[in-house]
């Protein structure tokens, strides 16, 4: 699995987790949802995401485009 797909999966998991926590524990968890959304938005402009940096440091590699034969 490439780092981009993994990153989208982690972001989706964090959003669903924070929504679950907001419904069952405290509405303050929606701030975490807003943080994830804001981070996704800023990364679309800057092409930098803290989670991507973390994933690269633990060994995941960026996707290499498939070669056409």
PDB file of N, CA and C in Angstrom:
ATOM      1  N   UNK A   1       0.849  -1.169   0.000  1.00  0.00           N
ATOM      2  CA  UNK A   1       0.000   0.000   0.000  1.00  0.00           C
ATOM      3  C   UNK A   1       0.898   1.237   0.000  1.00  0.00           C
ATOM      4  N   UNK A   2       0.581   2.170  -0.858  1.00  0.00           N
ATOM      5  CA  UNK A   2       1.353   3.393  -0.943  1.00  0.00           C
ATOM      6  C   UNK A   2       1.009   4.356   0.181  1.00  0.00           C
ATOM      7  N   UNK A   3       1.902   5.300   0.401  1.00  0.00           N
ATOM      8  CA  UNK A   3       1.742   6.241   1.503  1.00  0.00           C
ATOM      9  C   UNK A   3       0.512   7.136   1.317  1.00  0.00           C
ATOM     10  N   UNK A   4       0.157   7.470   0.089  1.00  0.00           N
ATOM     11  CA  UNK A   4      -1.011   8.327  -0.141  1.00  0.00           C
ATOM     12  C   UNK A   4      -2.311   7.619   0.241  1.00  0.00           C
ATOM     13  N   UNK A   5      -2.435   6.354  -0.119  1.00  0.00           N
ATOM     14  CA  UNK A   5      -3.641   5.598   0.261  1.00  0.00           C
ATOM     15  C   UNK A   5      -3.690   5.409   1.766  1.00  0.00           C
ATOM     16  N   UNK A   6      -2.543   5.130   2.364  1.00  0.00           N
ATOM     17  CA  UNK A   6      -2.479   4.954   3.809  1.00  0.00           C
ATOM     18  C   UNK A   6      -2.863   6.246   4.525  1.00  0.00           C
ATOM     19  N   UNK A   7      -2.385   7.361   4.026  1.00  0.00           N
ATOM     20  CA  UNK A   7      -2.699   8.656   4.617  1.00  0.00           C
ATOM     21  C   UNK A   7      -4.201   8.942   4.567  1.00  0.00           C
ATOM     22  N   UNK A   8      -4.843   8.677   3.435  1.00  0.00           N
ATOM     23  CA  UNK A   8      -6.291   8.879   3.331  1.00  0.00           C
ATOM     24  C   UNK A   8      -7.043   7.954   4.285  1.00  0.00           C
ATOM     25  N   UNK A   9      -6.574   6.743   4.438  1.00  0.00           N
ATOM     26  CA  UNK A   9      -7.199   5.805   5.367  1.00  0.00           C
ATOM     27  C   UNK A   9      -7.091   6.259   6.812  1.00  0.00           C
ATOM     28  N   UNK A  10      -5.919   6.759   7.180  1.00  0.00           N
ATOM     29  CA  UNK A  10      -5.718   7.252   8.543  1.00  0.00           C
ATOM     30  C   UNK A  10      -6.600   8.471   8.796  1.00  0.00           C
ATOM     31  N   UNK A  11      -6.658   9.395   7.850  1.00  0.00           N
ATOM     32  CA  UNK A  11      -7.497  10.593   8.008  1.00  0.00           C
ATOM     33  C   UNK A  11      -8.962  10.200   8.162  1.00  0.00           C
ATOM     34  N   UNK A  12      -9.433   9.278   7.340  1.00  0.00           N
ATOM     35  CA  UNK A  12     -10.814   8.815   7.446  1.00  0.00           C
ATOM     36  C   UNK A  12     -11.092   8.151   8.785  1.00  0.00           C
ATOM     37  N   UNK A  13     -10.142   7.341   9.256  1.00  0.00           N
ATOM     38  CA  UNK A  13     -10.292   6.691  10.557  1.00  0.00           C
ATOM     39  C   UNK A  13     -10.365   7.724  11.676  1.00  0.00           C
ATOM     40  N   UNK A  14      -9.471   8.722  11.644  1.00  0.00           N
ATOM     41  CA  UNK A  14      -9.473   9.759  12.682  1.00  0.00           C
ATOM     42  C   UNK A  14     -10.790  10.531  12.696  1.00  0.00           C
ATOM     43  N   UNK A  15     -11.323  10.827  11.525  1.00  0.00           N
ATOM     44  CA  UNK A  15     -12.583  11.564  11.463  1.00  0.00           C
ATOM     45  C   UNK A  15     -13.729  10.726  12.027  1.00  0.00           C
ATOM     46  N   UNK A  16     -13.813   9.464  11.623  1.00  0.00           N
ATOM     47  CA  UNK A  16     -14.876   8.599  12.145  1.00  0.00           C
ATOM     48  C   UNK A  16     -14.725   8.369  13.644  1.00  0.00           C
ATOM     49  N   UNK A  17     -13.481   8.210  14.113  1.00  0.00           N
ATOM     50  CA  UNK A  17     -13.247   8.023  15.541  1.00  0.00           C
ATOM     51  C   UNK A  17     -13.677   9.251  16.333  1.00  0.00           C
ATOM     52  N   UNK A  18     -13.317  10.434  15.847  1.00  0.00           N
ATOM     53  CA  UNK A  18     -13.684  11.650  16.576  1.00  0.00           C
ATOM     54  C   UNK A  18     -15.194  11.876  16.564  1.00  0.00           C
ATOM     55  N   UNK A  19     -15.868  11.515  15.475  1.00  0.00           N
ATOM     56  CA  UNK A  19     -17.328  11.619  15.446  1.00  0.00           C
ATOM     57  C   UNK A  19     -17.969  10.663  16.452  1.00  0.00           C
ATOM     58  N   UNK A  20     -17.456   9.445  16.524  1.00  0.00           N
ATOM     59  CA  UNK A  20     -17.929   8.471  17.509  1.00  0.00           C
ATOM     60  C   UNK A  20     -17.740   9.007  18.925  1.00  0.00           C
ATOM     61  N   UNK A  21     -16.547   9.532  19.208  1.00  0.00           N
ATOM     62  CA  UNK A  21     -16.263  10.065  20.539  1.00  0.00           C
ATOM     63  C   UNK A  21     -17.135  11.279  20.863  1.00  0.00           C
ATOM     64  N   UNK A  22     -17.443  12.090  19.850  1.00  0.00           N
ATOM     65  CA  UNK A  22     -18.309  13.251  20.067  1.00  0.00           C
ATOM     66  C   UNK A  22     -19.736  12.826  20.397  1.00  0.00           C
ATOM     67  N   UNK A  23     -20.220  11.794  19.721  1.00  0.00           N
ATOM     68  CA  UNK A  23     -21.592  11.340  19.954  1.00  0.00           C
ATOM     69  C   UNK A  23     -21.732  10.697  21.333  1.00  0.00           C
ATOM     70  N   UNK A  24     -20.744   9.893  21.738  1.00  0.00           N
ATOM     71  CA  UNK A  24     -20.888   9.113  22.957  1.00  0.00           C
ATOM     72  C   UNK A  24     -20.214   9.708  24.193  1.00  0.00           C
ATOM     73  N   UNK A  25     -19.316  10.687  24.020  1.00  0.00           N
ATOM     74  CA  UNK A  25     -18.611  11.205  25.185  1.00  0.00           C
ATOM     75  C   UNK A  25     -18.696  12.726  25.323  1.00  0.00           C
ATOM     76  N   UNK A  26     -18.180  13.468  24.366  1.00  0.00           N
ATOM     77  CA  UNK A  26     -18.179  14.920  24.485  1.00  0.00           C
ATOM     78  C   UNK A  26     -18.121  15.554  23.103  1.00  0.00           C
ATOM     79  N   UNK A  27     -18.904  16.610  22.933  1.00  0.00           N
ATOM     80  CA  UNK A  27     -18.911  17.327  21.658  1.00  0.00           C
ATOM     81  C   UNK A  27     -17.566  17.996  21.377  1.00  0.00           C
ATOM     82  N   UNK A  28     -16.735  18.149  22.398  1.00  0.00           N
ATOM     83  CA  UNK A  28     -15.408  18.750  22.208  1.00  0.00           C
ATOM     84  C   UNK A  28     -14.538  17.932  21.262  1.00  0.00           C
ATOM     85  N   UNK A  29     -14.850  16.654  21.070  1.00  0.00           N
ATOM     86  CA  UNK A  29     -14.082  15.825  20.135  1.00  0.00           C
ATOM     87  C   UNK A  29     -14.233  16.308  18.694  1.00  0.00           C
ATOM     88  N   UNK A  30     -15.245  17.107  18.424  1.00  0.00           N
ATOM     89  CA  UNK A  30     -15.407  17.653  17.076  1.00  0.00           C
ATOM     90  C   UNK A  30     -14.276  18.615  16.725  1.00  0.00           C
ATOM     91  N   UNK A  31     -13.588  19.140  17.726  1.00  0.00           N
ATOM     92  CA  UNK A  31     -12.408  19.961  17.461  1.00  0.00           C
ATOM     93  C   UNK A  31     -11.315  19.127  16.784  1.00  0.00           C
ATOM     94  N   UNK A  32     -11.222  17.862  17.160  1.00  0.00           N
ATOM     95  CA  UNK A  32     -10.255  16.978  16.506  1.00  0.00           C
ATOM     96  C   UNK A  32     -10.641  16.752  15.043  1.00  0.00           C
ATOM     97  N   UNK A  33     -11.934  16.609  14.792  1.00  0.00           N
ATOM     98  CA  UNK A  33     -12.415  16.486  13.412  1.00  0.00           C
ATOM     99  C   UNK A  33     -12.034  17.728  12.611  1.00  0.00           C
ATOM    100  N   UNK A  34     -12.234  18.899  13.210  1.00  0.00           N
ATOM    101  CA  UNK A  34     -11.874  20.155  12.544  1.00  0.00           C
ATOM    102  C   UNK A  34     -10.372  20.234  12.300  1.00  0.00           C
ATOM    103  N   UNK A  35      -9.567  19.759  13.244  1.00  0.00           N
ATOM    104  CA  UNK A  35      -8.112  19.758  13.076  1.00  0.00           C
ATOM    105  C   UNK A  35      -7.697  18.892  11.897  1.00  0.00           C
ATOM    106  N   UNK A  36      -8.274  17.707  11.801  1.00  0.00           N
ATOM    107  CA  UNK A  36      -7.944  16.813  10.688  1.00  0.00           C
ATOM    108  C   UNK A  36      -8.345  17.450   9.365  1.00  0.00           C
ATOM    109  N   UNK A  37      -9.540  18.027   9.307  1.00  0.00           N
ATOM    110  CA  UNK A  37      -9.991  18.684   8.083  1.00  0.00           C
ATOM    111  C   UNK A  37      -9.116  19.866   7.706  1.00  0.00           C
ATOM    112  N   UNK A  38      -8.741  20.686   8.685  1.00  0.00           N
ATOM    113  CA  UNK A  38      -7.869  21.839   8.412  1.00  0.00           C
ATOM    114  C   UNK A  38      -6.503  21.386   7.925  1.00  0.00           C
ATOM    115  N   UNK A  39      -5.995  20.293   8.505  1.00  0.00           N
ATOM    116  CA  UNK A  39      -4.698  19.772   8.082  1.00  0.00           C
ATOM    117  C   UNK A  39      -4.767  19.247   6.651  1.00  0.00           C
ATOM    118  N   UNK A  40      -5.856  18.576   6.296  1.00  0.00           N
ATOM    119  CA  UNK A  40      -6.020  18.105   4.921  1.00  0.00           C
ATOM    120  C   UNK A  40      -6.097  19.278   3.947  1.00  0.00           C
ATOM    121  N   UNK A  41      -6.798  20.327   4.354  1.00  0.00           N
ATOM    122  CA  UNK A  41      -6.918  21.501   3.499  1.00  0.00           C
ATOM    123  C   UNK A  41      -5.562  22.186   3.294  1.00  0.00           C
ATOM    124  N   UNK A  42      -4.829  22.407   4.376  1.00  0.00           N
ATOM    125  CA  UNK A  42      -3.532  23.068   4.222  1.00  0.00           C
ATOM    126  C   UNK A  42      -2.562  22.205   3.443  1.00  0.00           C
ATOM    127  N   UNK A  43      -2.635  20.889   3.578  1.00  0.00           N
ATOM    128  CA  UNK A  43      -1.706  20.020   2.837  1.00  0.00           C
ATOM    129  C   UNK A  43      -2.014  20.024   1.341  1.00  0.00           C
ATOM    130  N   UNK A  44      -3.255  20.348   0.975  1.00  0.00           N
ATOM    131  CA  UNK A  44      -3.578  20.431  -0.453  1.00  0.00           C
ATOM    132  C   UNK A  44      -2.906  21.639  -1.102  1.00  0.00           C
ATOM    133  N   UNK A  45      -2.621  22.662  -0.306  1.00  0.00           N
ATOM    134  CA  UNK A  45      -1.953  23.854  -0.828  1.00  0.00           C
ATOM    135  C   UNK A  45      -0.432  23.776  -0.695  1.00  0.00           C
ATOM    136  N   UNK A  46       0.048  23.189   0.408  1.00  0.00           N
ATOM    137  CA  UNK A  46       1.486  23.202   0.684  1.00  0.00           C
ATOM    138  C   UNK A  46       2.192  21.918   0.286  1.00  0.00           C
ATOM    139  N   UNK A  47       1.433  20.855   0.027  1.00  0.00           N
ATOM    140  CA  UNK A  47       1.984  19.532  -0.276  1.00  0.00           C
ATOM    141  C   UNK A  47       2.849  19.013   0.871  1.00  0.00           C
ATOM    142  N   UNK A  48       2.512  19.401   2.105  1.00  0.00           N
ATOM    143  CA  UNK A  48       3.199  18.907   3.294  1.00  0.00           C
ATOM    144  C   UNK A  48       2.164  18.529   4.339  1.00  0.00           C
ATOM    145  N   UNK A  49       2.337  17.345   4.914  1.00  0.00           N
ATOM    146  CA  UNK A  49       1.426  16.857   5.933  1.00  0.00           C
ATOM    147  C   UNK A  49       2.259  16.217   7.042  1.00  0.00           C
ATOM    148  N   UNK A  50       2.026  16.581   8.291  1.00  0.00           N
ATOM    149  CA  UNK A  50       2.805  15.988   9.382  1.00  0.00           C
ATOM    150  C   UNK A  50       2.702  14.458   9.429  1.00  0.00           C
ATOM    151  N   UNK A  51       1.519  13.915   9.163  1.00  0.00           N
ATOM    152  CA  UNK A  51       1.368  12.456   9.201  1.00  0.00           C
ATOM    153  C   UNK A  51       2.206  11.798   8.118  1.00  0.00           C
ATOM    154  N   UNK A  52       2.312  12.428   6.959  1.00  0.00           N
ATOM    155  CA  UNK A  52       3.124  11.869   5.888  1.00  0.00           C
ATOM    156  C   UNK A  52       4.600  11.834   6.307  1.00  0.00           C
ATOM    157  N   UNK A  53       5.043  12.874   6.990  1.00  0.00           N
ATOM    158  CA  UNK A  53       6.415  12.906   7.499  1.00  0.00           C
ATOM    159  C   UNK A  53       6.645  11.775   8.489  1.00  0.00           C
ATOM    160  N   UNK A  54       5.685  11.553   9.371  1.00  0.00           N
ATOM    161  CA  UNK A  54       5.793  10.459  10.352  1.00  0.00           C
ATOM    162  C   UNK A  54       5.845   9.116   9.646  1.00  0.00           C
ATOM    163  N   UNK A  55       4.961   8.909   8.664  1.00  0.00           N
ATOM    164  CA  UNK A  55       4.932   7.636   7.938  1.00  0.00           C
ATOM    165  C   UNK A  55       6.240   7.392   7.184  1.00  0.00           C
ATOM    166  N   UNK A  56       6.822   8.443   6.604  1.00  0.00           N
ATOM    167  CA  UNK A  56       8.099   8.295   5.908  1.00  0.00           C
ATOM    168  C   UNK A  56       9.211   7.924   6.884  1.00  0.00           C
ATOM    169  N   UNK A  57       9.191   8.499   8.089  1.00  0.00           N
ATOM    170  CA  UNK A  57      10.236   8.217   9.072  1.00  0.00           C
ATOM    171  C   UNK A  57      10.157   6.796   9.603  1.00  0.00           C
ATOM    172  N   UNK A  58       8.956   6.200   9.617  1.00  0.00           N
ATOM    173  CA  UNK A  58       8.862   4.822  10.100  1.00  0.00           C
ATOM    174  C   UNK A  58       9.005   3.805   8.975  1.00  0.00           C
ATOM    175  N   UNK A  59       9.265   4.278   7.754  1.00  0.00           N
ATOM    176  CA  UNK A  59       9.634   3.352   6.699  1.00  0.00           C
ATOM    177  C   UNK A  59       8.729   3.241   5.498  1.00  0.00           C
ATOM    178  N   UNK A  60       7.603   3.916   5.490  1.00  0.00           N
ATOM    179  CA  UNK A  60       6.745   3.856   4.311  1.00  0.00           C
ATOM    180  C   UNK A  60       7.317   4.760   3.226  1.00  0.00           C
ATOM    181  N   UNK A  61       7.172   4.336   1.990  1.00  0.00           N
ATOM    182  CA  UNK A  61       7.730   5.090   0.866  1.00  0.00           C
ATOM    183  C   UNK A  61       6.605   5.711   0.041  1.00  0.00           C
ATOM    184  N   UNK A  62       6.953   6.814  -0.620  1.00  0.00           N
ATOM    185  CA  UNK A  62       5.995   7.425  -1.537  1.00  0.00           C
ATOM    186  C   UNK A  62       5.798   6.495  -2.717  1.00  0.00           C
ATOM    187  N   UNK A  63       4.623   6.576  -3.308  1.00  0.00           N
ATOM    188  CA  UNK A  63       4.302   5.704  -4.437  1.00  0.00           C
ATOM    189  C   UNK A  63       5.151   6.065  -5.640  1.00  0.00           C
ATOM    190  N   UNK A  64       5.604   5.050  -6.333  1.00  0.00           N
ATOM    191  CA  UNK A  64       6.356   5.237  -7.571  1.00  0.00           C
ATOM    192  C   UNK A  64       5.382   4.993  -8.717  1.00  0.00           C
ATOM    193  N   UNK A  65       5.255   5.951  -9.649  1.00  0.00           N
ATOM    194  CA  UNK A  65       4.326   5.739 -10.754  1.00  0.00           C
ATOM    195  C   UNK A  65       4.668   4.472 -11.549  1.00  0.00           C
ATOM    196  N   UNK A  66       3.640   3.786 -11.970  1.00  0.00           N
ATOM    197  CA  UNK A  66       3.840   2.564 -12.750  1.00  0.00           C
ATOM    198  C   UNK A  66       4.464   2.907 -14.093  1.00  0.00           C
ATOM    199  N   UNK A  67       5.389   2.070 -14.534  1.00  0.00           N
ATOM    200  CA  UNK A  67       6.044   2.293 -15.826  1.00  0.00           C
ATOM    201  C   UNK A  67       5.207   1.691 -16.924  1.00  0.00           C
ATOM    202  N   UNK A  68       5.080   2.423 -18.028  1.00  0.00           N
ATOM    203  CA  UNK A  68       4.335   1.903 -19.168  1.00  0.00           C
ATOM    204  C   UNK A  68       5.296   1.107 -20.026  1.00  0.00           C
ATOM    205  N   UNK A  69       4.820  -0.016 -20.498  1.00  0.00           N
ATOM    206  CA  UNK A  69       5.673  -0.881 -21.337  1.00  0.00           C
ATOM    207  C   UNK A  69       5.315  -0.724 -22.781  1.00  0.00           C
TER     208      UNK A  69
END
